[in-house]
Amino acid sequence: MRKTLQRNLTSELQRRLPAASKPQVRNLALLTPALVYSSDCHLGNLALELLIAGQRDSLIQRLVRFLDNCRVTRETHYLPLVKQLFTYGLDREVNLVMGRTDMRQKRSSLLLAVAFQHRAIPLTWWVST
């Protein structure tokens, strides 16, 4: 079932994110279900949920490279999906969630998300530098 989900997600992301490269789409399609099935967002745990073979450390490095890739942008890889979210089915009241997190007392992040089925779907975020 999860392999089918990943295949469908990959083809759907390729269709909806035409500016993204195939490797970027593939990595996004690997990461998305891992975020759903993992108990938390720690890279080590996400790596264990990826639907590809590999040693844990290698899979973590794959995630780090993808997340640190300066060509993977909010504008190209995320906002097109958020816009489609509001195009389909959100014709009723929307609950917004805002949260702030301090990271190692050096940075803060601010997140604005839509509350949907006990989940928060991020709309935008800001990280202080």
C-alpha atoms as a PDB file:
ATOM      1  CA  MET A   1       0.000   0.000   0.000  1.00  0.00           C
ATOM      2  CA  ARG A   2       2.771   2.475   0.899  1.00  0.00           C
ATOM      3  CA  LYS A   3       4.659   1.723  -2.336  1.00  0.00           C
ATOM      4  CA  THR A   4       1.502   2.494  -4.312  1.00  0.00           C
ATOM      5  CA  LEU A   5       1.053   5.684  -2.312  1.00  0.00           C
ATOM      6  CA  GLN A   6       4.587   6.746  -3.149  1.00  0.00           C
ATOM      7  CA  ARG A   7       4.195   5.993  -6.870  1.00  0.00           C
ATOM      8  CA  ASN A   8       0.946   7.953  -6.998  1.00  0.00           C
ATOM      9  CA  LEU A   9       2.423  10.800  -4.985  1.00  0.00           C
ATOM     10  CA  THR A  10       5.476  10.975  -7.260  1.00  0.00           C
ATOM     11  CA  SER A  11       3.384  11.214 -10.419  1.00  0.00           C
ATOM     12  CA  GLU A  12       1.026  13.743  -8.831  1.00  0.00           C
ATOM     13  CA  LEU A  13       3.913  15.928  -7.630  1.00  0.00           C
ATOM     14  CA  GLN A  14       5.529  15.806 -11.081  1.00  0.00           C
ATOM     15  CA  ARG A  15       2.259  17.047 -12.548  1.00  0.00           C
ATOM     16  CA  ARG A  16       1.678  19.765  -9.951  1.00  0.00           C
ATOM     17  CA  LEU A  17       5.279  20.980  -9.608  1.00  0.00           C
ATOM     18  CA  PRO A  18       6.492  21.403 -13.195  1.00  0.00           C
ATOM     19  CA  ALA A  19       9.470  23.568 -12.165  1.00  0.00           C
ATOM     20  CA  ALA A  20      10.879  20.866  -9.876  1.00  0.00           C
ATOM     21  CA  SER A  21      13.487  18.424 -11.150  1.00  0.00           C
ATOM     22  CA  LYS A  22      12.829  14.675 -11.116  1.00  0.00           C
ATOM     23  CA  PRO A  23      15.259  14.018  -8.240  1.00  0.00           C
ATOM     24  CA  GLN A  24      13.672  16.826  -6.220  1.00  0.00           C
ATOM     25  CA  VAL A  25      10.198  15.386  -6.824  1.00  0.00           C
ATOM     26  CA  ARG A  26      11.402  11.898  -5.937  1.00  0.00           C
ATOM     27  CA  ASN A  27      12.937  13.075  -2.665  1.00  0.00           C
ATOM     28  CA  LEU A  28       9.834  15.086  -1.809  1.00  0.00           C
ATOM     29  CA  ALA A  29       7.697  12.023  -2.538  1.00  0.00           C
ATOM     30  CA  LEU A  30       9.941   9.978  -0.229  1.00  0.00           C
ATOM     31  CA  LEU A  31       9.894  12.545   2.562  1.00  0.00           C
ATOM     32  CA  THR A  32       6.145  13.271   2.589  1.00  0.00           C
ATOM     33  CA  PRO A  33       4.896   9.806   3.649  1.00  0.00           C
ATOM     34  CA  ALA A  34       7.813   9.528   6.092  1.00  0.00           C
ATOM     35  CA  LEU A  35       6.530  12.688   7.788  1.00  0.00           C
ATOM     36  CA  VAL A  36       3.076  11.117   8.028  1.00  0.00           C
ATOM     37  CA  TYR A  37       4.169   7.717   9.353  1.00  0.00           C
ATOM     38  CA  SER A  38       7.015   8.799  11.632  1.00  0.00           C
ATOM     39  CA  SER A  39       6.298   9.482  15.277  1.00  0.00           C
ATOM     40  CA  ASP A  40       8.303  12.735  15.083  1.00  0.00           C
ATOM     41  CA  CYS A  41      10.352  14.869  12.710  1.00  0.00           C
ATOM     42  CA  HIS A  42      13.829  13.780  13.782  1.00  0.00           C
ATOM     43  CA  LEU A  43      15.877  12.942  10.703  1.00  0.00           C
ATOM     44  CA  GLY A  44      16.957   9.599  12.114  1.00  0.00           C
ATOM     45  CA  ASN A  45      13.354   8.501  12.568  1.00  0.00           C
ATOM     46  CA  LEU A  46      12.288   9.910   9.212  1.00  0.00           C
ATOM     47  CA  ALA A  47      15.097   7.961   7.550  1.00  0.00           C
ATOM     48  CA  LEU A  48      13.673   4.737   8.963  1.00  0.00           C
ATOM     49  CA  GLU A  49      10.323   5.498   7.281  1.00  0.00           C
ATOM     50  CA  LEU A  50      11.742   6.153   3.795  1.00  0.00           C
ATOM     51  CA  LEU A  51      10.603   3.570   1.277  1.00  0.00           C
ATOM     52  CA  ILE A  52      14.059   2.925  -0.147  1.00  0.00           C
ATOM     53  CA  ALA A  53      16.833   0.591   0.905  1.00  0.00           C
ATOM     54  CA  GLY A  54      19.929   1.953   2.568  1.00  0.00           C
ATOM     55  CA  GLN A  55      21.788   2.320   5.802  1.00  0.00           C
ATOM     56  CA  ARG A  56      20.264   4.731   8.280  1.00  0.00           C
ATOM     57  CA  ASP A  57      23.208   7.159   8.142  1.00  0.00           C
ATOM     58  CA  SER A  58      23.122   7.230   4.343  1.00  0.00           C
ATOM     59  CA  LEU A  59      19.391   7.904   4.348  1.00  0.00           C
ATOM     60  CA  ILE A  60      19.841  10.699   6.895  1.00  0.00           C
ATOM     61  CA  GLN A  61      22.479  12.263   4.645  1.00  0.00           C
ATOM     62  CA  ARG A  62      20.087  12.025   1.708  1.00  0.00           C
ATOM     63  CA  LEU A  63      17.469  13.936   3.708  1.00  0.00           C
ATOM     64  CA  VAL A  64      20.015  16.531   4.831  1.00  0.00           C
ATOM     65  CA  ARG A  65      21.165  17.124   1.235  1.00  0.00           C
ATOM     66  CA  PHE A  66      17.565  17.514   0.075  1.00  0.00           C
ATOM     67  CA  LEU A  67      16.583  19.864   2.898  1.00  0.00           C
ATOM     68  CA  ASP A  68      19.762  21.953   2.490  1.00  0.00           C
ATOM     69  CA  ASN A  69      19.407  22.183  -1.300  1.00  0.00           C
ATOM     70  CA  CYS A  70      19.134  25.889  -2.133  1.00  0.00           C
ATOM     71  CA  ARG A  71      17.279  24.988  -5.352  1.00  0.00           C
ATOM     72  CA  VAL A  72      14.421  23.515  -3.335  1.00  0.00           C
ATOM     73  CA  THR A  73      12.424  26.619  -2.575  1.00  0.00           C
ATOM     74  CA  ARG A  74       9.139  27.469  -0.990  1.00  0.00           C
ATOM     75  CA  GLU A  75       8.064  29.259  -4.166  1.00  0.00           C
ATOM     76  CA  THR A  76       8.792  26.321  -6.493  1.00  0.00           C
ATOM     77  CA  HIS A  77       8.080  23.282  -4.356  1.00  0.00           C
ATOM     78  CA  TYR A  78       5.522  24.326  -1.771  1.00  0.00           C
ATOM     79  CA  LEU A  79       3.409  27.357  -2.638  1.00  0.00           C
ATOM     80  CA  PRO A  80       1.931  25.736  -5.783  1.00  0.00           C
ATOM     81  CA  LEU A  81       0.556  22.970  -3.559  1.00  0.00           C
ATOM     82  CA  VAL A  82      -0.816  25.407  -0.975  1.00  0.00           C
ATOM     83  CA  LYS A  83      -2.576  27.394  -3.706  1.00  0.00           C
ATOM     84  CA  GLN A  84      -4.208  24.201  -4.964  1.00  0.00           C
ATOM     85  CA  LEU A  85      -5.294  23.359  -1.433  1.00  0.00           C
ATOM     86  CA  PHE A  86      -7.327  26.561  -1.334  1.00  0.00           C
ATOM     87  CA  THR A  87      -8.669  25.949  -4.831  1.00  0.00           C
ATOM     88  CA  TYR A  88     -10.193  22.581  -3.900  1.00  0.00           C
ATOM     89  CA  GLY A  89     -12.712  22.091  -1.177  1.00  0.00           C
ATOM     90  CA  LEU A  90     -11.931  24.842   1.267  1.00  0.00           C
ATOM     91  CA  ASP A  91     -15.207  26.635   0.680  1.00  0.00           C
ATOM     92  CA  ARG A  92     -15.959  26.699   4.393  1.00  0.00           C
ATOM     93  CA  GLU A  93     -14.443  28.326   7.445  1.00  0.00           C
ATOM     94  CA  VAL A  94     -10.714  27.733   7.823  1.00  0.00           C
ATOM     95  CA  ASN A  95      -9.003  27.439  11.208  1.00  0.00           C
ATOM     96  CA  LEU A  96      -5.536  28.938  11.268  1.00  0.00           C
ATOM     97  CA  VAL A  97      -2.847  27.931  13.750  1.00  0.00           C
ATOM     98  CA  MET A  98       0.155  30.078  14.573  1.00  0.00           C
ATOM     99  CA  GLY A  99       3.129  28.869  16.553  1.00  0.00           C
ATOM    100  CA  ARG A 100       6.602  29.976  17.526  1.00  0.00           C
ATOM    101  CA  THR A 101       9.561  27.746  18.359  1.00  0.00           C
ATOM    102  CA  ASP A 102      12.965  28.671  19.748  1.00  0.00           C
ATOM    103  CA  MET A 103      15.849  26.666  18.343  1.00  0.00           C
ATOM    104  CA  ARG A 104      18.935  26.358  20.529  1.00  0.00           C
ATOM    105  CA  GLN A 105      18.406  29.877  21.875  1.00  0.00           C
ATOM    106  CA  LYS A 106      19.923  31.209  18.634  1.00  0.00           C
ATOM    107  CA  ARG A 107      16.983  31.275  16.268  1.00  0.00           C
ATOM    108  CA  SER A 108      13.231  31.402  16.339  1.00  0.00           C
ATOM    109  CA  SER A 109      10.718  30.154  13.835  1.00  0.00           C
ATOM    110  CA  LEU A 110       7.194  31.402  13.294  1.00  0.00           C
ATOM    111  CA  LEU A 111       4.676  29.181  11.522  1.00  0.00           C
ATOM    112  CA  LEU A 112       1.213  29.850  10.114  1.00  0.00           C
ATOM    113  CA  ALA A 113      -0.770  26.714   9.286  1.00  0.00           C
ATOM    114  CA  VAL A 114      -4.258  25.471   8.433  1.00  0.00           C
ATOM    115  CA  ALA A 115      -5.749  23.046  10.961  1.00  0.00           C
ATOM    116  CA  PHE A 116      -7.007  20.024   9.035  1.00  0.00           C
ATOM    117  CA  GLN A 117      -8.033  16.619  10.461  1.00  0.00           C
ATOM    118  CA  HIS A 118      -5.887  16.869  13.610  1.00  0.00           C
ATOM    119  CA  ARG A 119      -2.897  18.067  11.571  1.00  0.00           C
ATOM    120  CA  ALA A 120      -1.364  21.441  10.823  1.00  0.00           C
ATOM    121  CA  ILE A 121      -0.649  22.092   7.147  1.00  0.00           C
ATOM    122  CA  PRO A 122       1.954  24.856   7.001  1.00  0.00           C
ATOM    123  CA  LEU A 123       1.075  27.816   4.823  1.00  0.00           C
ATOM    124  CA  THR A 124       4.148  29.907   5.449  1.00  0.00           C
ATOM    125  CA  TRP A 125       6.974  30.201   7.939  1.00  0.00           C
ATOM    126  CA  TRP A 126       9.794  32.487   8.911  1.00  0.00           C
ATOM    127  CA  VAL A 127      13.078  31.616  10.604  1.00  0.00           C
ATOM    128  CA  SER A 128      15.150  34.346  12.259  1.00  0.00           C
ATOM    129  CA  THR A 129      18.845  34.455  11.450  1.00  0.00           C
END
